[in-house]
Amino acid sequence: QSYRGCSVMFRFAVLALFAQVAVASAKSACEGVYENLVDDFVKDNFDIKLMEGTFYELAYHDYTQPRNLCGCERSVKTIDTTTTPTSINDLFTLKCPAGSNGKDQITHLFFNETEAPGRLDGKCSFFEPFSGNDVCPDYLIDVGTRTAGEPYPWLLELQCVERKNGGLLFAGINFYARDKSNETLTEMLESAESHGLNEFVQGGFPSGLKIVDHSDCTYPPEDA
């Protein structure tokens, strides 16, 4: 009886040890995003000033946006080189309901450049109670060109925020382009798949992408 009791205790001890090792070695939700998903061209050539201008959101995976109520999403990005680090003032607008009869909803977003080319840090205090900080890392996965110095024709962005325990709190994917063509959207969708974003698209809640119809849209002034 004593031997059997020791055997059972030993098994429990081994299982507990394996559980501790598994927890310690578990990959956090956003680990490796920069190293594995951001395109090498972006890492080698990123210039925040090439992001300046007006972009239309062609698609998104983002539960902070009212997916079926609003539309006509647009982002006007202004680069401020007088700050340290260089920053982006992002005038993000949408209409609720979607279409020319909707009411403009205006949000002023702010991002700082970081030492990692292609990573920006946004301010998102609304996640702080769950994440433990007010920073939303914003990764430029791809920028639509392989010519250094050319203004970026489109921006494929991923925001990845972890819970305090390392689990995924938020994954936002934004498809911003200077034009609204289906050809550009197709190119961006192909880039998203080739860069490994489908895991985030299909794994989030709600899953999938929302395609934005800009055909009946009007927009507020770019200095609103």
C-alpha atoms as a PDB file:
ATOM      1  CA  GLN A   1       0.000   0.000   0.000  1.00  0.00           C
ATOM      2  CA  SER A   2       2.780   2.361   0.887  1.00  0.00           C
ATOM      3  CA  TYR A   3       4.548   1.691  -2.424  1.00  0.00           C
ATOM      4  CA  ARG A   4       1.383   2.266  -4.411  1.00  0.00           C
ATOM      5  CA  GLY A   5       0.701   5.488  -2.524  1.00  0.00           C
ATOM      6  CA  CYS A   6       4.193   6.772  -3.281  1.00  0.00           C
ATOM      7  CA  SER A   7       3.735   5.797  -6.917  1.00  0.00           C
ATOM      8  CA  VAL A   8       0.541   7.821  -7.206  1.00  0.00           C
ATOM      9  CA  MET A   9       2.141  10.811  -5.498  1.00  0.00           C
ATOM     10  CA  PHE A  10       5.115  10.559  -7.836  1.00  0.00           C
ATOM     11  CA  ARG A  11       2.820  10.606 -10.860  1.00  0.00           C
ATOM     12  CA  PHE A  12       1.032  13.680  -9.577  1.00  0.00           C
ATOM     13  CA  ALA A  13       4.362  15.397  -8.977  1.00  0.00           C
ATOM     14  CA  VAL A  14       5.512  14.618 -12.521  1.00  0.00           C
ATOM     15  CA  LEU A  15       2.230  15.876 -14.010  1.00  0.00           C
ATOM     16  CA  ALA A  16       2.464  19.066 -11.956  1.00  0.00           C
ATOM     17  CA  LEU A  17       6.025  19.612 -13.147  1.00  0.00           C
ATOM     18  CA  PHE A  18       5.015  19.143 -16.794  1.00  0.00           C
ATOM     19  CA  ALA A  19       2.140  21.585 -16.312  1.00  0.00           C
ATOM     20  CA  GLN A  20       4.505  24.214 -14.884  1.00  0.00           C
ATOM     21  CA  VAL A  21       6.930  23.749 -17.792  1.00  0.00           C
ATOM     22  CA  ALA A  22       4.093  24.013 -20.311  1.00  0.00           C
ATOM     23  CA  VAL A  23       2.848  27.265 -18.777  1.00  0.00           C
ATOM     24  CA  ALA A  24       6.359  28.705 -18.596  1.00  0.00           C
ATOM     25  CA  SER A  25       7.114  27.847 -22.222  1.00  0.00           C
ATOM     26  CA  ALA A  26       3.692  28.744 -23.671  1.00  0.00           C
ATOM     27  CA  LYS A  27       3.914  31.299 -26.435  1.00  0.00           C
ATOM     28  CA  SER A  28       2.141  34.566 -25.690  1.00  0.00           C
ATOM     29  CA  ALA A  29      -0.478  35.663 -28.217  1.00  0.00           C
ATOM     30  CA  CYS A  30       1.527  38.425 -29.921  1.00  0.00           C
ATOM     31  CA  GLU A  31       4.978  36.891 -29.548  1.00  0.00           C
ATOM     32  CA  GLY A  32       6.896  36.902 -32.833  1.00  0.00           C
ATOM     33  CA  VAL A  33       4.506  39.203 -34.700  1.00  0.00           C
ATOM     34  CA  TYR A  34       7.222  41.696 -35.588  1.00  0.00           C
ATOM     35  CA  GLU A  35       9.898  39.125 -36.345  1.00  0.00           C
ATOM     36  CA  ASN A  36       7.711  36.769 -38.384  1.00  0.00           C
ATOM     37  CA  LEU A  37       4.923  38.811 -39.975  1.00  0.00           C
ATOM     38  CA  VAL A  38       6.328  42.261 -40.820  1.00  0.00           C
ATOM     39  CA  ASP A  39       7.727  42.211 -44.336  1.00  0.00           C
ATOM     40  CA  ASP A  40      11.522  42.467 -44.636  1.00  0.00           C
ATOM     41  CA  PHE A  41      11.166  45.431 -47.007  1.00  0.00           C
ATOM     42  CA  VAL A  42       9.386  47.324 -44.238  1.00  0.00           C
ATOM     43  CA  LYS A  43      12.023  46.418 -41.651  1.00  0.00           C
ATOM     44  CA  ASP A  44      14.837  47.527 -43.961  1.00  0.00           C
ATOM     45  CA  ASN A  45      13.290  50.644 -45.529  1.00  0.00           C
ATOM     46  CA  PHE A  46      10.501  51.974 -43.309  1.00  0.00           C
ATOM     47  CA  ASP A  47      10.025  55.748 -43.424  1.00  0.00           C
ATOM     48  CA  ILE A  48       7.127  57.080 -41.372  1.00  0.00           C
ATOM     49  CA  LYS A  49       6.885  60.195 -43.559  1.00  0.00           C
ATOM     50  CA  LEU A  50       5.768  58.025 -46.491  1.00  0.00           C
ATOM     51  CA  MET A  51       2.576  57.211 -44.574  1.00  0.00           C
ATOM     52  CA  GLU A  52       1.289  60.774 -44.749  1.00  0.00           C
ATOM     53  CA  GLY A  53      -1.928  61.404 -46.641  1.00  0.00           C
ATOM     54  CA  THR A  54      -5.502  60.200 -47.057  1.00  0.00           C
ATOM     55  CA  PHE A  55      -6.355  56.502 -46.946  1.00  0.00           C
ATOM     56  CA  TYR A  56      -9.667  54.710 -47.340  1.00  0.00           C
ATOM     57  CA  GLU A  57     -10.307  51.612 -45.281  1.00  0.00           C
ATOM     58  CA  LEU A  58     -11.205  48.889 -47.783  1.00  0.00           C
ATOM     59  CA  ALA A  59     -11.611  46.084 -45.251  1.00  0.00           C
ATOM     60  CA  TYR A  60     -11.058  45.384 -41.580  1.00  0.00           C
ATOM     61  CA  HIS A  61     -11.083  42.810 -38.819  1.00  0.00           C
ATOM     62  CA  ASP A  62     -11.709  44.939 -35.755  1.00  0.00           C
ATOM     63  CA  TYR A  63     -14.300  44.434 -33.030  1.00  0.00           C
ATOM     64  CA  THR A  64     -13.947  48.057 -31.870  1.00  0.00           C
ATOM     65  CA  GLN A  65     -15.733  49.183 -35.043  1.00  0.00           C
ATOM     66  CA  PRO A  66     -19.560  48.919 -35.299  1.00  0.00           C
ATOM     67  CA  ARG A  67     -19.343  46.395 -38.090  1.00  0.00           C
ATOM     68  CA  ASN A  68     -22.911  46.285 -39.424  1.00  0.00           C
ATOM     69  CA  LEU A  69     -24.034  49.785 -38.475  1.00  0.00           C
ATOM     70  CA  CYS A  70     -21.438  52.117 -39.937  1.00  0.00           C
ATOM     71  CA  GLY A  71     -19.201  52.498 -42.974  1.00  0.00           C
ATOM     72  CA  CYS A  72     -17.286  54.946 -45.179  1.00  0.00           C
ATOM     73  CA  GLU A  73     -14.169  54.563 -43.028  1.00  0.00           C
ATOM     74  CA  ARG A  74     -11.321  56.947 -43.855  1.00  0.00           C
ATOM     75  CA  SER A  75      -7.979  57.795 -42.257  1.00  0.00           C
ATOM     76  CA  VAL A  76      -6.140  61.080 -42.772  1.00  0.00           C
ATOM     77  CA  LYS A  77      -2.601  60.740 -41.472  1.00  0.00           C
ATOM     78  CA  THR A  78      -0.458  63.779 -40.637  1.00  0.00           C
ATOM     79  CA  ILE A  79       3.181  63.260 -39.679  1.00  0.00           C
ATOM     80  CA  ASP A  80       4.635  65.444 -36.928  1.00  0.00           C
ATOM     81  CA  THR A  81       8.426  65.540 -37.056  1.00  0.00           C
ATOM     82  CA  THR A  82       8.612  68.164 -34.273  1.00  0.00           C
ATOM     83  CA  THR A  83       7.880  65.553 -31.611  1.00  0.00           C
ATOM     84  CA  THR A  84      10.340  63.074 -30.129  1.00  0.00           C
ATOM     85  CA  PRO A  85       9.809  60.436 -31.319  1.00  0.00           C
ATOM     86  CA  THR A  86       8.154  61.375 -34.607  1.00  0.00           C
ATOM     87  CA  SER A  87       4.406  60.877 -34.351  1.00  0.00           C
ATOM     88  CA  ILE A  88       1.272  60.468 -36.459  1.00  0.00           C
ATOM     89  CA  ASN A  89      -1.963  62.340 -35.916  1.00  0.00           C
ATOM     90  CA  ASP A  90      -4.617  60.105 -37.448  1.00  0.00           C
ATOM     91  CA  LEU A  91      -8.029  61.601 -38.182  1.00  0.00           C
ATOM     92  CA  PHE A  92     -10.248  58.519 -38.417  1.00  0.00           C
ATOM     93  CA  THR A  93     -13.830  59.011 -39.567  1.00  0.00           C
ATOM     94  CA  LEU A  94     -16.813  56.847 -40.412  1.00  0.00           C
ATOM     95  CA  LYS A  95     -20.524  57.313 -41.019  1.00  0.00           C
ATOM     96  CA  CYS A  96     -23.375  55.833 -39.013  1.00  0.00           C
ATOM     97  CA  PRO A  97     -25.392  54.530 -40.710  1.00  0.00           C
ATOM     98  CA  ALA A  98     -23.228  53.913 -43.766  1.00  0.00           C
ATOM     99  CA  GLY A  99     -23.856  56.010 -46.869  1.00  0.00           C
ATOM    100  CA  SER A 100     -24.307  59.666 -47.735  1.00  0.00           C
ATOM    101  CA  ASN A 101     -27.166  60.126 -45.249  1.00  0.00           C
ATOM    102  CA  GLY A 102     -25.162  58.919 -42.275  1.00  0.00           C
ATOM    103  CA  LYS A 103     -23.763  61.087 -39.505  1.00  0.00           C
ATOM    104  CA  ASP A 104     -20.005  61.626 -39.381  1.00  0.00           C
ATOM    105  CA  GLN A 105     -18.231  60.044 -36.417  1.00  0.00           C
ATOM    106  CA  ILE A 106     -14.798  61.574 -35.853  1.00  0.00           C
ATOM    107  CA  THR A 107     -11.957  60.113 -33.789  1.00  0.00           C
ATOM    108  CA  HIS A 108      -8.481  61.557 -33.322  1.00  0.00           C
ATOM    109  CA  LEU A 109      -5.902  58.788 -32.976  1.00  0.00           C
ATOM    110  CA  PHE A 110      -2.229  59.179 -32.096  1.00  0.00           C
ATOM    111  CA  PHE A 111       0.782  56.959 -32.796  1.00  0.00           C
ATOM    112  CA  ASN A 112       4.474  57.208 -31.918  1.00  0.00           C
ATOM    113  CA  GLU A 113       7.323  55.866 -34.004  1.00  0.00           C
ATOM    114  CA  THR A 114       9.478  53.284 -32.231  1.00  0.00           C
ATOM    115  CA  GLU A 115      13.032  52.010 -32.632  1.00  0.00           C
ATOM    116  CA  ALA A 116      11.684  48.960 -34.503  1.00  0.00           C
ATOM    117  CA  PRO A 117      11.133  50.034 -38.136  1.00  0.00           C
ATOM    118  CA  GLY A 118       7.503  49.362 -39.018  1.00  0.00           C
ATOM    119  CA  ARG A 119       6.196  49.279 -35.464  1.00  0.00           C
ATOM    120  CA  LEU A 120       4.197  52.187 -34.060  1.00  0.00           C
ATOM    121  CA  ASP A 121       2.802  52.534 -30.558  1.00  0.00           C
ATOM    122  CA  GLY A 122      -0.754  53.777 -30.295  1.00  0.00           C
ATOM    123  CA  LYS A 123      -2.611  55.026 -27.256  1.00  0.00           C
ATOM    124  CA  CYS A 124      -5.502  52.820 -26.115  1.00  0.00           C
ATOM    125  CA  SER A 125      -6.323  53.401 -22.466  1.00  0.00           C
ATOM    126  CA  PHE A 126      -9.634  51.557 -22.846  1.00  0.00           C
ATOM    127  CA  PHE A 127      -7.700  48.247 -22.925  1.00  0.00           C
ATOM    128  CA  GLU A 128      -5.559  49.081 -19.883  1.00  0.00           C
ATOM    129  CA  PRO A 129      -7.696  47.314 -17.227  1.00  0.00           C
ATOM    130  CA  PHE A 130      -7.262  44.055 -19.152  1.00  0.00           C
ATOM    131  CA  SER A 131      -3.780  44.455 -20.687  1.00  0.00           C
ATOM    132  CA  GLY A 132      -2.009  46.259 -17.850  1.00  0.00           C
ATOM    133  CA  ASN A 133      -0.851  49.195 -20.004  1.00  0.00           C
ATOM    134  CA  ASP A 134      -2.252  51.801 -22.370  1.00  0.00           C
ATOM    135  CA  VAL A 135      -0.131  50.941 -25.429  1.00  0.00           C
ATOM    136  CA  CYS A 136      -1.459  49.285 -28.582  1.00  0.00           C
ATOM    137  CA  PRO A 137       1.416  48.047 -30.768  1.00  0.00           C
ATOM    138  CA  ASP A 138       0.622  48.763 -34.421  1.00  0.00           C
ATOM    139  CA  TYR A 139       2.619  46.750 -36.971  1.00  0.00           C
ATOM    140  CA  LEU A 140       3.006  47.784 -40.626  1.00  0.00           C
ATOM    141  CA  ILE A 141       2.881  44.308 -42.157  1.00  0.00           C
ATOM    142  CA  ASP A 142       3.154  45.515 -45.767  1.00  0.00           C
ATOM    143  CA  VAL A 143       3.067  48.874 -47.531  1.00  0.00           C
ATOM    144  CA  GLY A 144       2.265  48.079 -51.179  1.00  0.00           C
ATOM    145  CA  THR A 145       5.607  48.963 -52.752  1.00  0.00           C
ATOM    146  CA  ARG A 146       9.125  47.612 -53.060  1.00  0.00           C
ATOM    147  CA  THR A 147      10.609  50.961 -54.119  1.00  0.00           C
ATOM    148  CA  ALA A 148      12.379  52.740 -51.262  1.00  0.00           C
ATOM    149  CA  GLY A 149      11.300  56.376 -50.906  1.00  0.00           C
ATOM    150  CA  GLU A 150       7.994  55.956 -52.736  1.00  0.00           C
ATOM    151  CA  PRO A 151       4.906  57.111 -50.785  1.00  0.00           C
ATOM    152  CA  TYR A 152       3.110  54.005 -49.616  1.00  0.00           C
ATOM    153  CA  PRO A 153       0.134  53.236 -51.886  1.00  0.00           C
ATOM    154  CA  TRP A 154      -1.499  51.153 -49.168  1.00  0.00           C
ATOM    155  CA  LEU A 155      -0.959  50.084 -45.568  1.00  0.00           C
ATOM    156  CA  LEU A 156      -1.696  46.665 -44.127  1.00  0.00           C
ATOM    157  CA  GLU A 157      -1.719  47.188 -40.370  1.00  0.00           C
ATOM    158  CA  LEU A 158      -2.055  44.765 -37.473  1.00  0.00           C
ATOM    159  CA  GLN A 159      -2.673  45.816 -33.877  1.00  0.00           C
ATOM    160  CA  CYS A 160      -2.005  43.018 -31.419  1.00  0.00           C
ATOM    161  CA  VAL A 161      -2.752  43.451 -27.697  1.00  0.00           C
ATOM    162  CA  GLU A 162      -2.260  40.795 -25.045  1.00  0.00           C
ATOM    163  CA  ARG A 163      -4.111  40.187 -21.815  1.00  0.00           C
ATOM    164  CA  LYS A 164      -2.138  40.348 -18.578  1.00  0.00           C
ATOM    165  CA  ASN A 165      -1.759  36.561 -18.729  1.00  0.00           C
ATOM    166  CA  GLY A 166      -0.378  36.631 -22.295  1.00  0.00           C
ATOM    167  CA  GLY A 167      -3.596  35.586 -24.012  1.00  0.00           C
ATOM    168  CA  LEU A 168      -5.006  37.497 -26.952  1.00  0.00           C
ATOM    169  CA  LEU A 169      -7.122  40.498 -25.986  1.00  0.00           C
ATOM    170  CA  PHE A 170      -7.390  42.243 -29.344  1.00  0.00           C
ATOM    171  CA  ALA A 171      -6.219  41.701 -32.909  1.00  0.00           C
ATOM    172  CA  GLY A 172      -7.188  44.474 -35.304  1.00  0.00           C
ATOM    173  CA  ILE A 173      -6.332  44.313 -38.998  1.00  0.00           C
ATOM    174  CA  ASN A 174      -6.836  47.378 -41.167  1.00  0.00           C
ATOM    175  CA  PHE A 175      -6.616  47.576 -44.961  1.00  0.00           C
ATOM    176  CA  TYR A 176      -5.887  51.244 -45.776  1.00  0.00           C
ATOM    177  CA  ALA A 177      -5.386  52.397 -49.379  1.00  0.00           C
ATOM    178  CA  ARG A 178      -5.061  55.698 -51.211  1.00  0.00           C
ATOM    179  CA  ASP A 179      -7.570  54.447 -53.789  1.00  0.00           C
ATOM    180  CA  LYS A 180     -10.786  52.430 -53.489  1.00  0.00           C
ATOM    181  CA  SER A 181     -10.325  49.939 -56.333  1.00  0.00           C
ATOM    182  CA  ASN A 182     -11.146  46.253 -56.159  1.00  0.00           C
ATOM    183  CA  GLU A 183      -7.738  45.567 -57.702  1.00  0.00           C
ATOM    184  CA  THR A 184      -6.008  47.173 -54.730  1.00  0.00           C
ATOM    185  CA  LEU A 185      -8.196  45.281 -52.265  1.00  0.00           C
ATOM    186  CA  THR A 186      -7.373  41.997 -54.012  1.00  0.00           C
ATOM    187  CA  GLU A 187      -3.664  42.786 -53.821  1.00  0.00           C
ATOM    188  CA  MET A 188      -3.949  43.548 -50.118  1.00  0.00           C
ATOM    189  CA  LEU A 189      -5.921  40.377 -49.388  1.00  0.00           C
ATOM    190  CA  GLU A 190      -3.242  38.332 -51.110  1.00  0.00           C
ATOM    191  CA  SER A 191      -0.572  40.084 -49.048  1.00  0.00           C
ATOM    192  CA  ALA A 192      -2.477  39.433 -45.823  1.00  0.00           C
ATOM    193  CA  GLU A 193      -2.656  35.729 -46.599  1.00  0.00           C
ATOM    194  CA  SER A 194       0.989  35.444 -47.641  1.00  0.00           C
ATOM    195  CA  HIS A 195       2.135  37.242 -44.477  1.00  0.00           C
ATOM    196  CA  GLY A 196       0.221  34.873 -42.189  1.00  0.00           C
ATOM    197  CA  LEU A 197      -2.643  37.106 -41.047  1.00  0.00           C
ATOM    198  CA  ASN A 198      -5.401  34.586 -41.736  1.00  0.00           C
ATOM    199  CA  GLU A 199      -4.841  33.038 -38.307  1.00  0.00           C
ATOM    200  CA  PHE A 200      -5.852  36.324 -36.698  1.00  0.00           C
ATOM    201  CA  VAL A 201      -8.697  36.946 -39.169  1.00  0.00           C
ATOM    202  CA  GLN A 202     -10.331  33.565 -38.617  1.00  0.00           C
ATOM    203  CA  GLY A 203      -9.497  33.198 -34.941  1.00  0.00           C
ATOM    204  CA  GLY A 204     -10.972  36.435 -33.636  1.00  0.00           C
ATOM    205  CA  PHE A 205     -14.508  37.301 -32.637  1.00  0.00           C
ATOM    206  CA  PRO A 206     -16.310  38.032 -34.790  1.00  0.00           C
ATOM    207  CA  SER A 207     -14.204  36.073 -37.265  1.00  0.00           C
ATOM    208  CA  GLY A 208     -13.639  37.091 -40.863  1.00  0.00           C
ATOM    209  CA  LEU A 209     -13.253  40.427 -42.618  1.00  0.00           C
ATOM    210  CA  LYS A 210     -15.686  43.251 -43.150  1.00  0.00           C
ATOM    211  CA  ILE A 211     -15.420  44.637 -46.706  1.00  0.00           C
ATOM    212  CA  VAL A 212     -16.213  48.351 -46.808  1.00  0.00           C
ATOM    213  CA  ASP A 213     -18.436  49.671 -49.604  1.00  0.00           C
ATOM    214  CA  HIS A 214     -17.414  53.248 -50.453  1.00  0.00           C
ATOM    215  CA  SER A 215     -19.754  53.638 -53.440  1.00  0.00           C
ATOM    216  CA  ASP A 216     -22.286  55.915 -51.665  1.00  0.00           C
ATOM    217  CA  CYS A 217     -19.916  57.704 -49.307  1.00  0.00           C
ATOM    218  CA  THR A 218     -19.235  61.326 -48.527  1.00  0.00           C
ATOM    219  CA  TYR A 219     -16.504  62.383 -46.117  1.00  0.00           C
ATOM    220  CA  PRO A 220     -15.955  65.233 -43.662  1.00  0.00           C
ATOM    221  CA  PRO A 221     -13.221  67.834 -44.244  1.00  0.00           C
ATOM    222  CA  GLU A 222      -9.719  66.441 -43.876  1.00  0.00           C
ATOM    223  CA  ASP A 223      -9.009  68.927 -41.077  1.00  0.00           C
ATOM    224  CA  ALA A 224     -12.159  68.115 -39.080  1.00  0.00           C
END
